[in-house]
Amino acid sequence: MNPRSATAVWQGDGMTGTGTLDTLSGALAGASYSFKTRFQSEDGKAGTNPEELIAAAHAGCFTMALSFALSKAGHVPTKLSTTAEVSMKQGEAGFEISGIKLILKAQVSGLQDAEFQTLAAGAKAGCPISKALAAVPSITLEASLV
């Protein structure tokens, strides 16, 4: 498999500088980011930040992994909707990701909750992004059938 890539370009100092992010696919093209978009823009309208991108990657990877697991078990999902919330805190060594919460709402016919929870937990543990984020102290999952 060919590697995926993204490019970050930064100009200026950490506090007042600005940057742009571009992805090979073009999904991000000149997406702006800065100290403000990372730590001060509560509504997220000023641009993106690395934590938001990690959240998108984790939600997407987990949801796709679960779709494969459900389908393999004979339960093709009607709809899977996952929100990933990435939390940060400042410690003695600087900022760090302190936790990720995956919130899944799933529409799957003919599936008992116990099997659903088992498959969801397996997808959480097995998706490549979860594995890459193994250093995060807490990755939790709230999974519900709706």
Protein backbone atom coordinates (compact mmCIF):
# COMPACT_ATOMS: atom_id res chain seq x y z
CA MET A 1 0.00 0.00 0.00
CA ASN A 2 1.32 3.44 -0.90
CA PRO A 3 1.94 5.83 1.99
CA ARG A 4 -0.56 8.62 2.63
CA SER A 5 0.82 12.09 3.10
CA ALA A 6 0.04 15.56 4.31
CA THR A 7 2.16 18.69 4.32
CA ALA A 8 2.26 21.40 6.97
CA VAL A 9 3.79 24.81 6.25
CA TRP A 10 4.30 27.24 9.14
CA GLN A 11 5.38 30.90 9.09
CA GLY A 12 6.30 32.88 12.19
CA ASP A 13 6.57 32.07 15.85
CA GLY A 14 4.39 29.59 17.71
CA MET A 15 2.07 32.12 19.31
CA THR A 16 1.36 34.52 16.44
CA GLY A 17 2.44 32.55 13.37
CA THR A 18 0.11 30.77 10.98
CA GLY A 19 0.20 27.60 9.00
CA THR A 20 -1.54 25.67 6.28
CA LEU A 21 -2.22 21.98 5.84
CA ASP A 22 -2.54 20.13 2.56
CA THR A 23 -3.28 16.48 1.90
CA LEU A 24 -2.35 14.37 -1.08
CA SER A 25 -6.04 13.66 -1.76
CA GLY A 26 -6.89 17.36 -1.78
CA ALA A 27 -9.40 16.93 1.05
CA LEU A 28 -7.36 19.61 2.81
CA ALA A 29 -5.99 22.30 0.54
CA GLY A 30 -4.49 25.29 2.28
CA ALA A 31 -6.47 24.62 5.47
CA SER A 32 -5.36 27.23 7.96
CA TYR A 33 -4.20 26.53 11.49
CA SER A 34 -2.61 28.60 14.23
CA PHE A 35 -2.34 28.93 17.99
CA LYS A 36 -5.78 30.54 17.95
CA THR A 37 -7.38 27.71 15.97
CA ARG A 38 -5.78 25.19 18.29
CA PHE A 39 -6.36 26.73 21.71
CA GLN A 40 -8.70 29.74 21.50
CA SER A 41 -11.32 29.22 18.78
CA GLU A 42 -13.99 27.42 20.80
CA ASP A 43 -16.40 27.24 17.85
CA GLY A 44 -13.73 25.87 15.50
CA LYS A 45 -14.64 28.36 12.79
CA ALA A 46 -11.18 29.97 12.58
CA GLY A 47 -9.51 26.87 11.09
CA THR A 48 -8.49 23.36 11.98
CA ASN A 49 -5.95 21.94 14.42
CA PRO A 50 -4.02 18.69 14.81
CA GLU A 51 -6.37 17.33 17.48
CA GLU A 52 -9.42 17.83 15.26
CA LEU A 53 -7.64 15.95 12.48
CA ILE A 54 -6.79 13.10 14.88
CA ALA A 55 -10.46 13.01 15.89
CA ALA A 56 -11.55 12.77 12.25
CA ALA A 57 -9.01 10.06 11.51
CA HIS A 58 -9.98 8.03 14.57
CA ALA A 59 -13.72 8.33 13.98
CA GLY A 60 -13.31 7.35 10.33
CA CYS A 61 -11.00 4.42 10.96
CA PHE A 62 -13.03 2.98 13.84
CA THR A 63 -16.32 3.32 11.94
CA MET A 64 -14.94 1.59 8.86
CA ALA A 65 -13.40 -1.20 10.98
CA LEU A 66 -16.75 -1.73 12.71
CA SER A 67 -18.57 -1.84 9.38
CA PHE A 68 -16.26 -4.65 8.25
CA ALA A 69 -16.73 -6.53 11.56
CA LEU A 70 -20.51 -6.20 11.51
CA SER A 71 -20.72 -7.27 7.87
CA LYS A 72 -18.47 -10.27 8.51
CA ALA A 73 -20.81 -11.27 11.37
CA GLY A 74 -23.79 -11.10 8.99
CA HIS A 75 -25.15 -7.73 10.14
CA VAL A 76 -24.58 -5.11 7.45
CA PRO A 77 -25.16 -1.77 9.15
CA THR A 78 -27.79 0.64 7.90
CA LYS A 79 -25.91 3.59 9.42
CA LEU A 80 -22.95 4.12 11.74
CA SER A 81 -22.30 7.59 13.13
CA THR A 82 -19.22 8.13 15.30
CA THR A 83 -18.05 11.30 17.01
CA ALA A 84 -14.51 11.32 18.40
CA GLU A 85 -13.75 13.83 21.13
CA VAL A 86 -10.04 14.45 21.68
CA SER A 87 -9.15 16.03 25.03
CA MET A 88 -5.89 17.80 25.83
CA LYS A 89 -4.29 18.90 29.05
CA GLN A 90 -1.16 20.77 29.95
CA GLY A 91 1.29 18.81 32.05
CA GLU A 92 4.80 19.43 33.28
CA ALA A 93 6.24 18.39 29.91
CA GLY A 94 3.79 20.53 27.89
CA PHE A 95 0.46 19.76 26.25
CA GLU A 96 -0.61 16.18 25.70
CA ILE A 97 -3.66 14.30 24.50
CA SER A 98 -5.23 13.04 27.71
CA GLY A 99 -8.10 11.08 26.27
CA ILE A 100 -10.27 10.21 23.31
CA LYS A 101 -13.96 9.40 23.62
CA LEU A 102 -15.64 7.60 20.73
CA ILE A 103 -19.41 8.05 20.71
CA LEU A 104 -21.15 5.67 18.33
CA LYS A 105 -24.79 5.58 17.33
CA ALA A 106 -25.57 2.59 15.13
CA GLN A 107 -28.53 1.38 13.12
CA VAL A 108 -28.12 -2.36 12.62
CA SER A 109 -31.03 -4.75 12.14
CA GLY A 110 -31.26 -8.10 13.88
CA LEU A 111 -28.34 -7.62 16.26
CA GLN A 112 -28.40 -8.12 20.01
CA ASP A 113 -26.69 -5.48 22.13
CA ALA A 114 -24.17 -7.90 23.67
CA GLU A 115 -22.84 -8.97 20.25
CA PHE A 116 -22.88 -5.35 19.10
CA GLN A 117 -20.80 -4.24 22.10
CA THR A 118 -18.30 -7.06 21.52
CA LEU A 119 -17.88 -6.18 17.84
CA ALA A 120 -17.59 -2.46 18.62
CA ALA A 121 -14.93 -3.06 21.28
CA GLY A 122 -13.00 -5.26 18.86
CA ALA A 123 -13.13 -2.57 16.16
CA LYS A 124 -11.94 0.04 18.67
CA ALA A 125 -8.99 -2.11 19.69
CA GLY A 126 -8.15 -3.26 16.18
CA CYS A 127 -8.40 -0.22 13.95
CA PRO A 128 -4.99 1.09 12.82
CA ILE A 129 -5.56 4.57 14.25
CA SER A 130 -6.45 3.16 17.69
CA LYS A 131 -3.24 1.16 17.55
CA ALA A 132 -1.24 4.25 16.55
CA LEU A 133 -2.77 6.18 19.46
CA ALA A 134 -1.88 3.53 22.05
CA ALA A 135 0.07 6.11 24.09
CA VAL A 136 -3.14 8.04 24.85
CA PRO A 137 -3.96 7.28 28.52
CA SER A 138 -7.69 6.75 27.94
CA ILE A 139 -9.63 5.79 24.82
CA THR A 140 -13.23 5.09 25.71
CA LEU A 141 -16.23 3.96 23.70
CA GLU A 142 -19.93 4.69 24.20
CA ALA A 143 -21.75 2.50 21.69
CA SER A 144 -25.52 2.42 21.32
CA LEU A 145 -27.96 0.84 18.93
CA VAL A 146 -30.65 3.28 17.85
